[in-house]
Amino acid sequence: MLEVKTPDEVLQVIDAEFSPLADRVEAVPLAQAIGRVLAEDVVTTEYVPDFNRSTVDGYALRARDTFGCSDAIPAILPLAGEVLMGEEAAAPLAAETCVYVPTGGAVPEGADSVVMIEYTEDYGDGTIGIAKSAAPGQNMIFRGDDVYPGKTILQKGRVLGSQDIGALAAIGKTTVYVARKLRVGVISTGDELVPPEQSPGPGQVRDVNSPMLAAMLQAFGAQVKNTASLLITLRCLQKRWTARWRNAMRYCFPVAAALV
């Protein structure tokens, strides 16, 4: 004889039988980690960015060399060179000079700000006119502004989204430890049930609960197995305990059976 449990009793059984799941951990490639539950804190060991970067196209310089300048009285600085994308500055910046830097490019050592190219003029004689004064740190991202060694960027238990995949890629983490997906069996019972693709006869209804519950479980990250309805009455349940059932239950361990 089957005994129907209350929702609270079912939750107690789940807590007792299926928790904790700390040992159910697997390593997956970064490309397959979307939607998975992180099994460990992710702590970085490096800087992001690993160098001072410019956020604009312009000229890297020392802010103090531009104080008081304007359109009428620009600061005129010798152009000491250019930084190419993907390369580091050839040399530290000398006082009262400037270096051209593209957006995202490395700012040379000694520079503490970047003036947008729109506020400058190339005189063509090796000098650049700066028509707007800069403040220290202007238009720059400094080394480690995003991430620095020892910083926890993602916490255990987090469901990984696309932005998290990007953060993991930024620190070079290509293998992610996540909780293994639960394998769940959904059991729907009743002589009146027929599969959704079948037209119901007199006194019959289509099995709605099985696909609905399977979809809900998949949305929560579970791996659903054997969702086909078992068109049997509770009275016949024990008689239909076949080898197929036993194999399915072994596959779905731990398994949550939804009697609907």
Protein backbone atom coordinates (compact mmCIF):
# COMPACT_ATOMS: atom_id res chain seq x y z
CA MET A 1 0.00 0.00 0.00
CA LEU A 2 1.34 3.38 -0.97
CA GLU A 3 1.41 6.22 1.49
CA VAL A 4 1.16 9.79 0.24
CA LYS A 5 3.50 12.19 1.99
CA THR A 6 2.89 15.85 2.68
CA PRO A 7 5.07 18.45 0.91
CA ASP A 8 6.97 19.09 4.15
CA GLU A 9 7.65 15.37 4.58
CA VAL A 10 8.90 15.14 0.98
CA LEU A 11 11.27 18.05 1.57
CA GLN A 12 12.60 16.32 4.67
CA VAL A 13 13.26 13.15 2.64
CA ILE A 14 15.08 15.17 -0.04
CA ASP A 15 17.23 16.92 2.58
CA ALA A 16 18.06 13.61 4.28
CA GLU A 17 18.74 11.52 1.16
CA PHE A 18 20.17 13.96 -1.38
CA SER A 19 22.02 16.61 0.64
CA PRO A 20 24.74 17.60 0.81
CA LEU A 21 25.98 17.01 -2.73
CA ALA A 22 29.51 18.29 -2.12
CA ASP A 23 31.06 15.18 -3.65
CA ARG A 24 29.05 15.53 -6.86
CA VAL A 25 31.55 17.79 -8.64
CA GLU A 26 32.89 17.62 -12.16
CA ALA A 27 35.26 19.66 -14.27
CA VAL A 28 33.87 21.06 -17.52
CA PRO A 29 35.44 23.17 -20.28
CA LEU A 30 34.66 26.87 -20.10
CA ALA A 31 32.54 26.64 -23.27
CA GLN A 32 30.22 24.15 -21.53
CA ALA A 33 29.94 25.95 -18.19
CA ILE A 34 27.02 28.25 -19.04
CA GLY A 35 24.07 27.64 -16.73
CA ARG A 36 26.04 25.33 -14.43
CA VAL A 37 26.36 25.79 -10.66
CA LEU A 38 29.84 26.77 -9.52
CA ALA A 39 31.28 24.26 -7.05
CA GLU A 40 34.07 26.44 -5.67
CA ASP A 41 35.02 30.05 -5.12
CA VAL A 42 37.06 31.46 -7.99
CA VAL A 43 40.02 33.44 -6.65
CA THR A 44 42.32 35.17 -9.11
CA THR A 45 46.11 35.01 -9.17
CA GLU A 46 46.72 37.75 -11.71
CA TYR A 47 45.92 41.33 -12.66
CA VAL A 48 43.21 42.36 -15.14
CA PRO A 49 44.17 44.42 -16.96
CA ASP A 50 47.84 43.60 -16.58
CA PHE A 51 48.93 47.07 -17.72
CA ASN A 52 47.69 50.66 -17.63
CA ARG A 53 45.29 51.16 -20.56
CA SER A 54 43.84 54.11 -22.39
CA THR A 55 40.06 54.35 -22.77
CA VAL A 56 40.30 56.79 -25.70
CA ASP A 57 42.32 57.58 -28.79
CA GLY A 58 44.62 60.38 -27.73
CA TYR A 59 47.90 61.42 -26.20
CA ALA A 60 49.36 59.99 -23.00
CA LEU A 61 51.09 62.64 -20.93
CA ARG A 62 51.66 64.01 -17.47
CA ALA A 63 48.60 65.92 -16.32
CA ARG A 64 50.70 68.64 -14.71
CA ASP A 65 52.16 69.51 -18.10
CA THR A 66 48.70 70.62 -19.27
CA PHE A 67 47.52 72.65 -16.27
CA GLY A 68 46.21 76.06 -17.34
CA CYS A 69 46.09 75.33 -21.07
CA SER A 70 43.13 76.28 -23.27
CA ASP A 71 42.12 76.77 -26.91
CA ALA A 72 43.72 80.21 -26.84
CA ILE A 73 46.86 79.11 -25.03
CA PRO A 74 47.48 75.40 -25.75
CA ALA A 75 50.19 73.37 -24.08
CA ILE A 76 52.69 72.45 -26.80
CA LEU A 77 54.41 69.12 -26.19
CA PRO A 78 56.94 67.23 -28.35
CA LEU A 79 55.56 63.95 -29.71
CA ALA A 80 57.86 61.26 -28.33
CA GLY A 81 56.37 58.32 -30.20
CA GLU A 82 53.37 56.05 -30.68
CA VAL A 83 52.09 52.91 -28.95
CA LEU A 84 50.64 50.27 -31.28
CA MET A 85 47.78 48.00 -30.27
CA GLY A 86 48.95 44.76 -28.72
CA GLU A 87 52.40 46.16 -27.94
CA GLU A 88 53.94 47.80 -24.91
CA ALA A 89 55.39 51.27 -24.83
CA ALA A 90 58.98 51.39 -26.08
CA ALA A 91 60.19 53.58 -23.20
CA PRO A 92 58.95 55.51 -20.17
CA LEU A 93 57.42 58.91 -20.90
CA ALA A 94 59.76 61.85 -20.38
CA ALA A 95 58.53 65.01 -18.72
CA GLU A 96 56.86 67.61 -20.95
CA THR A 97 56.36 65.15 -23.83
CA CYS A 98 53.45 63.06 -25.07
CA VAL A 99 52.90 59.73 -26.81
CA TYR A 100 50.02 58.77 -29.07
CA VAL A 101 47.95 55.87 -27.67
CA PRO A 102 44.90 54.17 -29.28
CA THR A 103 41.83 53.08 -27.35
CA GLY A 104 42.81 50.04 -25.29
CA GLY A 105 46.50 50.61 -25.87
CA ALA A 106 49.19 50.49 -23.21
CA VAL A 107 49.95 53.78 -21.50
CA PRO A 108 53.71 54.26 -21.04
CA GLU A 109 55.26 54.41 -17.60
CA GLY A 110 55.43 57.97 -16.36
CA ALA A 111 52.14 59.07 -17.96
CA ASP A 112 49.20 59.58 -15.60
CA SER A 113 46.47 60.71 -18.01
CA VAL A 114 45.33 60.65 -21.63
CA VAL A 115 43.84 63.61 -23.52
CA MET A 116 41.31 62.77 -26.23
CA ILE A 117 42.54 63.43 -29.74
CA GLU A 118 39.56 65.77 -30.27
CA TYR A 119 41.16 68.25 -27.84
CA THR A 120 44.54 68.21 -29.56
CA GLU A 121 46.16 69.43 -32.76
CA ASP A 122 49.09 67.95 -34.62
CA TYR A 123 51.15 70.87 -35.89
CA GLY A 124 53.10 68.65 -38.27
CA ASP A 125 56.47 69.71 -36.91
CA GLY A 126 56.76 66.99 -34.25
CA THR A 127 54.75 68.86 -31.64
CA ILE A 128 51.17 68.42 -30.40
CA GLY A 129 48.97 71.22 -29.13
CA ILE A 130 46.85 70.31 -26.09
CA ALA A 131 43.80 72.56 -25.81
CA LYS A 132 42.24 71.07 -22.69
CA SER A 133 43.94 70.39 -19.38
CA ALA A 134 43.91 66.87 -17.99
CA ALA A 135 43.46 65.50 -14.50
CA PRO A 136 45.54 62.62 -13.11
CA GLY A 137 43.91 59.29 -14.00
CA GLN A 138 41.76 60.80 -16.75
CA ASN A 139 40.77 58.40 -19.56
CA MET A 140 42.80 55.55 -18.05
CA ILE A 141 42.21 52.11 -16.58
CA PHE A 142 45.03 51.21 -14.23
CA ARG A 143 46.62 47.81 -13.80
CA GLY A 144 44.42 45.63 -11.58
CA ASP A 145 41.42 47.99 -11.63
CA ASP A 146 39.15 45.08 -12.62
CA VAL A 147 40.89 42.15 -10.94
CA TYR A 148 43.93 41.69 -8.70
CA PRO A 149 45.58 38.63 -7.11
CA GLY A 150 43.61 37.26 -4.16
CA LYS A 151 40.28 38.75 -5.25
CA THR A 152 37.25 36.42 -5.26
CA ILE A 153 35.40 37.18 -8.47
CA LEU A 154 32.79 34.39 -8.36
CA GLN A 155 31.41 32.57 -5.33
CA LYS A 156 30.50 28.92 -4.89
CA GLY A 157 26.85 28.20 -5.68
CA ARG A 158 26.54 30.83 -8.40
CA VAL A 159 24.67 29.87 -11.57
CA LEU A 160 27.10 30.86 -14.29
CA GLY A 161 25.84 33.40 -16.82
CA SER A 162 27.42 34.71 -20.00
CA GLN A 163 29.09 37.58 -18.12
CA ASP A 164 30.67 35.06 -15.74
CA ILE A 165 32.06 33.08 -18.68
CA GLY A 166 33.69 36.29 -19.86
CA ALA A 167 35.18 36.96 -16.42
CA LEU A 168 36.61 33.44 -16.26
CA ALA A 169 38.10 33.82 -19.72
CA ALA A 170 39.70 37.11 -18.65
CA ILE A 171 41.71 35.35 -15.95
CA GLY A 172 42.59 32.40 -18.18
CA LYS A 173 40.42 29.83 -16.39
CA THR A 174 39.48 27.36 -19.10
CA THR A 175 38.34 24.52 -16.83
CA VAL A 176 35.55 25.13 -14.32
CA TYR A 177 34.51 22.94 -11.38
CA VAL A 178 30.74 22.75 -11.21
CA ALA A 179 28.10 20.67 -9.44
CA ARG A 180 27.24 17.57 -11.41
CA LYS A 181 23.73 17.73 -12.85
CA LEU A 182 21.11 15.82 -10.90
CA ARG A 183 19.51 12.99 -12.85
CA VAL A 184 15.80 12.99 -12.20
CA GLY A 185 13.04 10.57 -13.09
CA VAL A 186 9.48 11.86 -13.48
CA ILE A 187 6.79 9.24 -12.93
CA SER A 188 3.22 10.02 -13.93
CA THR A 189 0.54 7.47 -13.01
CA GLY A 190 -3.08 6.88 -13.94
CA ASP A 191 -5.15 4.69 -16.27
CA GLU A 192 -6.75 7.79 -17.75
CA LEU A 193 -3.47 9.20 -19.13
CA VAL A 194 -2.36 8.99 -22.74
CA PRO A 195 0.78 10.51 -24.33
CA PRO A 196 0.43 14.07 -25.65
CA GLU A 197 0.74 12.89 -29.25
CA GLN A 198 -2.24 10.53 -28.85
CA SER A 199 -5.89 11.54 -29.15
CA PRO A 200 -7.71 10.81 -25.85
CA GLY A 201 -10.48 8.29 -25.89
CA PRO A 202 -13.60 8.33 -23.72
CA GLY A 203 -12.61 9.09 -20.12
CA GLN A 204 -8.97 9.74 -21.04
CA VAL A 205 -6.79 12.87 -20.86
CA ARG A 206 -3.39 13.71 -22.24
CA ASP A 207 -0.47 13.52 -19.81
CA VAL A 208 0.34 17.17 -19.17
CA ASN A 209 2.27 16.87 -15.94
CA SER A 210 5.17 14.77 -17.22
CA PRO A 211 6.41 17.16 -19.92
CA MET A 212 5.63 20.18 -17.73
CA LEU A 213 7.61 18.84 -14.77
CA ALA A 214 10.43 17.69 -17.05
CA ALA A 215 10.67 21.20 -18.51
CA MET A 216 10.66 22.77 -15.03
CA LEU A 217 13.42 20.43 -13.87
CA GLN A 218 15.52 21.10 -16.97
CA ALA A 219 15.10 24.84 -16.39
CA PHE A 220 16.59 24.29 -12.92
CA GLY A 221 19.55 22.44 -14.44
CA ALA A 222 18.51 18.82 -13.87
CA GLN A 223 19.01 16.01 -16.37
CA VAL A 224 15.61 14.38 -16.87
CA LYS A 225 15.36 10.68 -17.68
CA ASN A 226 12.37 8.46 -18.46
CA THR A 227 9.60 11.01 -18.59
CA ALA A 228 7.13 8.73 -20.34
CA SER A 229 3.91 8.23 -18.43
CA LEU A 230 3.30 4.91 -16.72
CA LEU A 231 -0.34 4.28 -17.54
CA ILE A 232 -1.08 2.24 -14.48
CA THR A 233 -3.17 2.53 -11.39
CA LEU A 234 -1.69 2.75 -7.95
CA ARG A 235 -3.14 -0.68 -7.32
CA CYS A 236 -1.03 -2.19 -10.10
CA LEU A 237 2.15 -0.28 -9.36
CA GLN A 238 3.89 -3.11 -7.51
CA LYS A 239 3.08 -5.61 -10.28
CA ARG A 240 4.79 -3.48 -12.91
CA TRP A 241 8.15 -3.16 -11.11
CA THR A 242 10.17 -4.52 -14.03
CA ALA A 243 13.83 -4.74 -14.85
CA ARG A 244 13.40 -1.65 -16.99
CA TRP A 245 12.24 0.29 -13.97
CA ARG A 246 15.09 -0.97 -11.83
CA ASN A 247 17.64 0.04 -14.47
CA ALA A 248 16.04 3.44 -14.81
CA MET A 249 16.15 4.02 -11.08
CA ARG A 250 19.80 3.02 -10.93
CA TYR A 251 20.55 5.48 -13.72
CA CYS A 252 18.65 8.25 -12.00
CA PHE A 253 20.37 7.94 -8.62
CA PRO A 254 19.85 10.23 -6.84
CA VAL A 255 16.30 10.40 -8.23
CA ALA A 256 13.24 12.44 -7.42
CA ALA A 257 10.02 10.69 -8.35
CA ALA A 258 7.06 12.97 -8.88
CA LEU A 259 3.81 11.14 -8.35
CA VAL A 260 1.16 13.21 -10.06
